[in-house]
């Protein structure tokens, strides 16, 4: 399965009862950014696995897993991509709380002290760090965690990810959120 087949299979699942300009725009945007030359096949596959889990799209999870298997991506990387939404959700939730507290009362934040949550994956990812950071940016955007988006964008740039690649991932994240929202019953 290549990106073209993945795209065709996924877009075929979008409910045909909606065929207005919004759906056409979303589908057209998806086709444009899924083929981005800035993103490798492996980045797309791992990203789609994590993002589809975050967005709770079983159809896209299955297509992304099929795509990753076709690309011969290591099983430990695939497993990690499936688990990232869990740790990212925990961290996004916690850091949103701390960010809100910091805004209202800097002294209160000191009283809370260290995060105190296990997050060993942040230093020991099985996938390339650049892929990991792209996924964390995308999920943090969906979870509306400003602090995490800023930290992971900065770290992605530090490990050599071009901002054009980050921009394409963020666009694709918004597009997928829209497509999956429209396809819900």
C-alpha atoms as a PDB file:
ATOM      1  CA  UNK A   1       0.000   0.000   0.000  1.00  0.00           C
ATOM      2  CA  UNK A   2       1.422   3.376  -0.959  1.00  0.00           C
ATOM      3  CA  UNK A   3       0.220   6.856   0.053  1.00  0.00           C
ATOM      4  CA  UNK A   4      -2.133   6.963  -2.937  1.00  0.00           C
ATOM      5  CA  UNK A   5      -3.915   3.750  -1.905  1.00  0.00           C
ATOM      6  CA  UNK A   6      -3.984   4.870   1.739  1.00  0.00           C
ATOM      7  CA  UNK A   7      -5.528   8.190   0.686  1.00  0.00           C
ATOM      8  CA  UNK A   8      -8.136   6.566  -1.564  1.00  0.00           C
ATOM      9  CA  UNK A   9      -9.147   4.026   1.093  1.00  0.00           C
ATOM     10  CA  UNK A  10      -9.426   6.658   3.821  1.00  0.00           C
ATOM     11  CA  UNK A  11     -11.345   9.205   1.761  1.00  0.00           C
ATOM     12  CA  UNK A  12     -13.752   6.473   0.622  1.00  0.00           C
ATOM     13  CA  UNK A  13     -14.781   6.061   4.283  1.00  0.00           C
ATOM     14  CA  UNK A  14     -15.887   9.680   4.675  1.00  0.00           C
ATOM     15  CA  UNK A  15     -19.648   9.629   4.797  1.00  0.00           C
ATOM     16  CA  UNK A  16     -21.018  10.408   1.347  1.00  0.00           C
ATOM     17  CA  UNK A  17     -24.170  12.012   2.767  1.00  0.00           C
ATOM     18  CA  UNK A  18     -22.010  15.107   3.153  1.00  0.00           C
ATOM     19  CA  UNK A  19     -20.716  16.304  -0.173  1.00  0.00           C
ATOM     20  CA  UNK A  20     -20.801  20.067   0.165  1.00  0.00           C
ATOM     21  CA  UNK A  21     -18.002  22.525  -0.303  1.00  0.00           C
ATOM     22  CA  UNK A  22     -16.654  21.929   3.223  1.00  0.00           C
ATOM     23  CA  UNK A  23     -16.149  18.197   2.655  1.00  0.00           C
ATOM     24  CA  UNK A  24     -14.674  18.830  -0.786  1.00  0.00           C
ATOM     25  CA  UNK A  25     -12.246  21.354   0.718  1.00  0.00           C
ATOM     26  CA  UNK A  26     -11.243  18.976   3.510  1.00  0.00           C
ATOM     27  CA  UNK A  27     -10.708  16.091   1.092  1.00  0.00           C
ATOM     28  CA  UNK A  28      -8.753  18.302  -1.309  1.00  0.00           C
ATOM     29  CA  UNK A  29      -6.600  19.610   1.517  1.00  0.00           C
ATOM     30  CA  UNK A  30      -5.967  16.066   2.752  1.00  0.00           C
ATOM     31  CA  UNK A  31      -4.863  14.974  -0.709  1.00  0.00           C
ATOM     32  CA  UNK A  32      -2.537  17.971  -0.934  1.00  0.00           C
ATOM     33  CA  UNK A  33      -0.765  17.497   2.408  1.00  0.00           C
ATOM     34  CA  UNK A  34      -0.711  13.699   2.641  1.00  0.00           C
ATOM     35  CA  UNK A  35       1.540  13.810  -0.431  1.00  0.00           C
ATOM     36  CA  UNK A  36       3.819  16.498   1.014  1.00  0.00           C
ATOM     37  CA  UNK A  37       7.393  16.042  -0.145  1.00  0.00           C
ATOM     38  CA  UNK A  38       8.445  17.374   3.259  1.00  0.00           C
ATOM     39  CA  UNK A  39       7.152  14.216   4.977  1.00  0.00           C
ATOM     40  CA  UNK A  40       8.602  10.730   4.592  1.00  0.00           C
ATOM     41  CA  UNK A  41       6.460   7.617   4.314  1.00  0.00           C
ATOM     42  CA  UNK A  42       7.634   6.491   7.755  1.00  0.00           C
ATOM     43  CA  UNK A  43       6.787   9.858   9.330  1.00  0.00           C
ATOM     44  CA  UNK A  44       3.324   9.743   7.772  1.00  0.00           C
ATOM     45  CA  UNK A  45       2.680   6.168   8.933  1.00  0.00           C
ATOM     46  CA  UNK A  46       3.774   6.696  12.555  1.00  0.00           C
ATOM     47  CA  UNK A  47       2.010  10.063  12.715  1.00  0.00           C
ATOM     48  CA  UNK A  48      -1.246   8.584  11.362  1.00  0.00           C
ATOM     49  CA  UNK A  49      -1.142   5.738  13.880  1.00  0.00           C
ATOM     50  CA  UNK A  50      -0.820   8.135  16.821  1.00  0.00           C
ATOM     51  CA  UNK A  51      -3.170  10.775  15.507  1.00  0.00           C
ATOM     52  CA  UNK A  52      -5.920   8.327  14.562  1.00  0.00           C
ATOM     53  CA  UNK A  53      -5.741   6.830  18.073  1.00  0.00           C
ATOM     54  CA  UNK A  54      -6.020  10.325  19.559  1.00  0.00           C
ATOM     55  CA  UNK A  55      -8.984  11.146  17.314  1.00  0.00           C
ATOM     56  CA  UNK A  56     -10.537   7.717  18.010  1.00  0.00           C
ATOM     57  CA  UNK A  57     -10.827   6.756  14.354  1.00  0.00           C
ATOM     58  CA  UNK A  58     -10.690   2.950  14.191  1.00  0.00           C
ATOM     59  CA  UNK A  59     -10.841   3.053  10.408  1.00  0.00           C
ATOM     60  CA  UNK A  60      -7.789   5.290  10.138  1.00  0.00           C
ATOM     61  CA  UNK A  61      -5.929   3.330  12.858  1.00  0.00           C
ATOM     62  CA  UNK A  62      -6.367   0.144  10.816  1.00  0.00           C
ATOM     63  CA  UNK A  63      -5.323   1.820   7.558  1.00  0.00           C
ATOM     64  CA  UNK A  64      -2.282   3.402   9.236  1.00  0.00           C
ATOM     65  CA  UNK A  65      -1.244   0.055  10.754  1.00  0.00           C
ATOM     66  CA  UNK A  66      -1.611  -1.608   7.359  1.00  0.00           C
ATOM     67  CA  UNK A  67       0.495   1.161   5.803  1.00  0.00           C
ATOM     68  CA  UNK A  68       3.194   0.857   8.499  1.00  0.00           C
ATOM     69  CA  UNK A  69       3.344  -2.912   8.010  1.00  0.00           C
ATOM     70  CA  UNK A  70       3.632  -2.453   4.242  1.00  0.00           C
ATOM     71  CA  UNK A  71       6.543  -0.051   4.834  1.00  0.00           C
ATOM     72  CA  UNK A  72       8.195  -2.663   7.077  1.00  0.00           C
ATOM     73  CA  UNK A  73       8.400  -0.296  10.038  1.00  0.00           C
ATOM     74  CA  UNK A  74       9.772  -2.017  13.119  1.00  0.00           C
ATOM     75  CA  UNK A  75       7.089  -3.432  15.457  1.00  0.00           C
ATOM     76  CA  UNK A  76       8.529  -1.579  18.474  1.00  0.00           C
ATOM     77  CA  UNK A  77       8.134   1.740  16.634  1.00  0.00           C
ATOM     78  CA  UNK A  78       4.557   0.864  15.666  1.00  0.00           C
ATOM     79  CA  UNK A  79       3.774  -0.089  19.266  1.00  0.00           C
ATOM     80  CA  UNK A  80       5.265   3.159  20.515  1.00  0.00           C
ATOM     81  CA  UNK A  81       3.180   5.151  18.013  1.00  0.00           C
ATOM     82  CA  UNK A  82       0.072   3.443  19.402  1.00  0.00           C
ATOM     83  CA  UNK A  83       1.062   4.251  22.995  1.00  0.00           C
ATOM     84  CA  UNK A  84       2.129   7.878  22.522  1.00  0.00           C
ATOM     85  CA  UNK A  85      -1.443   9.260  22.758  1.00  0.00           C
ATOM     86  CA  UNK A  86      -1.666   7.878  26.310  1.00  0.00           C
ATOM     87  CA  UNK A  87       1.468   9.523  27.693  1.00  0.00           C
ATOM     88  CA  UNK A  88       0.851  12.652  25.656  1.00  0.00           C
ATOM     89  CA  UNK A  89      -2.700  12.915  26.990  1.00  0.00           C
ATOM     90  CA  UNK A  90      -1.454  12.605  30.564  1.00  0.00           C
ATOM     91  CA  UNK A  91       1.250  15.222  30.086  1.00  0.00           C
ATOM     92  CA  UNK A  92      -0.964  17.627  28.117  1.00  0.00           C
ATOM     93  CA  UNK A  93      -3.623  17.492  30.829  1.00  0.00           C
ATOM     94  CA  UNK A  94      -1.130  18.092  33.623  1.00  0.00           C
ATOM     95  CA  UNK A  95       0.782  20.857  31.849  1.00  0.00           C
ATOM     96  CA  UNK A  96      -2.435  22.703  30.932  1.00  0.00           C
ATOM     97  CA  UNK A  97      -3.238  22.800  34.646  1.00  0.00           C
ATOM     98  CA  UNK A  98       0.231  24.105  35.523  1.00  0.00           C
ATOM     99  CA  UNK A  99       0.064  26.696  32.733  1.00  0.00           C
ATOM    100  CA  UNK A 100      -3.278  28.011  34.010  1.00  0.00           C
ATOM    101  CA  UNK A 101      -1.890  28.226  37.548  1.00  0.00           C
ATOM    102  CA  UNK A 102       1.262  30.006  36.329  1.00  0.00           C
ATOM    103  CA  UNK A 103      -0.883  32.619  34.601  1.00  0.00           C
ATOM    104  CA  UNK A 104      -2.958  33.364  37.690  1.00  0.00           C
ATOM    105  CA  UNK A 105      -0.443  32.856  40.502  1.00  0.00           C
ATOM    106  CA  UNK A 106       3.276  32.298  39.951  1.00  0.00           C
ATOM    107  CA  UNK A 107       3.813  31.614  43.666  1.00  0.00           C
ATOM    108  CA  UNK A 108       1.220  28.823  43.738  1.00  0.00           C
ATOM    109  CA  UNK A 109       3.110  27.030  41.002  1.00  0.00           C
ATOM    110  CA  UNK A 110       6.192  26.842  43.250  1.00  0.00           C
ATOM    111  CA  UNK A 111       4.118  25.134  45.941  1.00  0.00           C
ATOM    112  CA  UNK A 112       3.117  22.390  43.525  1.00  0.00           C
ATOM    113  CA  UNK A 113       6.773  21.538  42.946  1.00  0.00           C
ATOM    114  CA  UNK A 114       8.020  18.881  40.549  1.00  0.00           C
ATOM    115  CA  UNK A 115       5.714  17.202  38.051  1.00  0.00           C
ATOM    116  CA  UNK A 116       6.148  13.818  39.756  1.00  0.00           C
ATOM    117  CA  UNK A 117       4.879  11.764  36.813  1.00  0.00           C
ATOM    118  CA  UNK A 118       6.807   8.963  35.131  1.00  0.00           C
ATOM    119  CA  UNK A 119       7.632   9.843  31.553  1.00  0.00           C
ATOM    120  CA  UNK A 120      10.732   7.855  30.632  1.00  0.00           C
ATOM    121  CA  UNK A 121       9.725   7.733  26.987  1.00  0.00           C
ATOM    122  CA  UNK A 122      10.719  11.380  26.578  1.00  0.00           C
ATOM    123  CA  UNK A 123      14.378  10.399  26.630  1.00  0.00           C
ATOM    124  CA  UNK A 124      14.217   6.882  25.249  1.00  0.00           C
ATOM    125  CA  UNK A 125      12.037   6.861  22.169  1.00  0.00           C
ATOM    126  CA  UNK A 126      12.364   3.852  19.864  1.00  0.00           C
ATOM    127  CA  UNK A 127      11.530   5.933  16.799  1.00  0.00           C
ATOM    128  CA  UNK A 128      13.743   8.761  15.553  1.00  0.00           C
ATOM    129  CA  UNK A 129      13.491  11.823  17.805  1.00  0.00           C
ATOM    130  CA  UNK A 130      12.331  13.977  14.895  1.00  0.00           C
ATOM    131  CA  UNK A 131       9.331  11.675  14.268  1.00  0.00           C
ATOM    132  CA  UNK A 132       8.546  11.583  17.977  1.00  0.00           C
ATOM    133  CA  UNK A 133       8.535  15.384  18.252  1.00  0.00           C
ATOM    134  CA  UNK A 134       6.269  15.786  15.210  1.00  0.00           C
ATOM    135  CA  UNK A 135       3.747  13.405  16.758  1.00  0.00           C
ATOM    136  CA  UNK A 136       3.910  15.177  20.119  1.00  0.00           C
ATOM    137  CA  UNK A 137       3.333  18.553  18.434  1.00  0.00           C
ATOM    138  CA  UNK A 138       0.273  17.223  16.578  1.00  0.00           C
ATOM    139  CA  UNK A 139      -1.326  15.601  19.620  1.00  0.00           C
ATOM    140  CA  UNK A 140      -0.536  18.588  21.840  1.00  0.00           C
ATOM    141  CA  UNK A 141      -2.317  20.823  19.311  1.00  0.00           C
ATOM    142  CA  UNK A 142      -5.384  18.569  19.445  1.00  0.00           C
ATOM    143  CA  UNK A 143      -5.263  18.564  23.252  1.00  0.00           C
ATOM    144  CA  UNK A 144      -4.852  22.376  23.319  1.00  0.00           C
ATOM    145  CA  UNK A 145      -1.709  22.340  25.457  1.00  0.00           C
ATOM    146  CA  UNK A 146       0.101  25.565  24.639  1.00  0.00           C
ATOM    147  CA  UNK A 147       3.090  24.796  26.861  1.00  0.00           C
ATOM    148  CA  UNK A 148       3.613  21.372  25.248  1.00  0.00           C
ATOM    149  CA  UNK A 149       3.199  22.668  21.691  1.00  0.00           C
ATOM    150  CA  UNK A 150       5.815  25.350  22.294  1.00  0.00           C
ATOM    151  CA  UNK A 151       8.261  22.978  24.007  1.00  0.00           C
ATOM    152  CA  UNK A 152       7.987  20.242  21.369  1.00  0.00           C
ATOM    153  CA  UNK A 153       8.169  22.685  18.459  1.00  0.00           C
ATOM    154  CA  UNK A 154      11.357  24.135  19.919  1.00  0.00           C
ATOM    155  CA  UNK A 155      12.825  20.678  20.528  1.00  0.00           C
ATOM    156  CA  UNK A 156      11.875  19.518  17.027  1.00  0.00           C
ATOM    157  CA  UNK A 157      13.762  22.450  15.528  1.00  0.00           C
ATOM    158  CA  UNK A 158      16.733  21.715  17.818  1.00  0.00           C
ATOM    159  CA  UNK A 159      16.936  18.123  16.526  1.00  0.00           C
ATOM    160  CA  UNK A 160      16.888  19.343  12.927  1.00  0.00           C
ATOM    161  CA  UNK A 161      13.228  19.295  11.885  1.00  0.00           C
ATOM    162  CA  UNK A 162      12.501  22.002   9.335  1.00  0.00           C
ATOM    163  CA  UNK A 163       9.604  24.307  10.110  1.00  0.00           C
ATOM    164  CA  UNK A 164       8.091  23.522   6.690  1.00  0.00           C
ATOM    165  CA  UNK A 165       7.727  19.909   7.875  1.00  0.00           C
ATOM    166  CA  UNK A 166       6.191  21.021  11.179  1.00  0.00           C
ATOM    167  CA  UNK A 167       3.797  23.285   9.284  1.00  0.00           C
ATOM    168  CA  UNK A 168       2.665  20.422   7.028  1.00  0.00           C
ATOM    169  CA  UNK A 169       2.075  18.159  10.052  1.00  0.00           C
ATOM    170  CA  UNK A 170       0.027  20.859  11.774  1.00  0.00           C
ATOM    171  CA  UNK A 171      -2.027  21.440   8.616  1.00  0.00           C
ATOM    172  CA  UNK A 172      -2.612  17.713   8.245  1.00  0.00           C
ATOM    173  CA  UNK A 173      -3.645  17.521  11.908  1.00  0.00           C
ATOM    174  CA  UNK A 174      -6.340  20.151  11.420  1.00  0.00           C
ATOM    175  CA  UNK A 175      -7.532  18.543   8.201  1.00  0.00           C
ATOM    176  CA  UNK A 176      -7.790  15.094   9.792  1.00  0.00           C
ATOM    177  CA  UNK A 177      -9.657  16.492  12.786  1.00  0.00           C
ATOM    178  CA  UNK A 178     -12.162  18.051  10.391  1.00  0.00           C
ATOM    179  CA  UNK A 179     -12.575  14.916   8.269  1.00  0.00           C
ATOM    180  CA  UNK A 180     -13.009  12.650  11.276  1.00  0.00           C
ATOM    181  CA  UNK A 181     -15.482  15.047  12.931  1.00  0.00           C
ATOM    182  CA  UNK A 182     -17.587  15.101   9.758  1.00  0.00           C
ATOM    183  CA  UNK A 183     -17.560  11.318   9.479  1.00  0.00           C
ATOM    184  CA  UNK A 184     -18.908  10.800  13.025  1.00  0.00           C
ATOM    185  CA  UNK A 185     -22.558   9.811  13.260  1.00  0.00           C
END
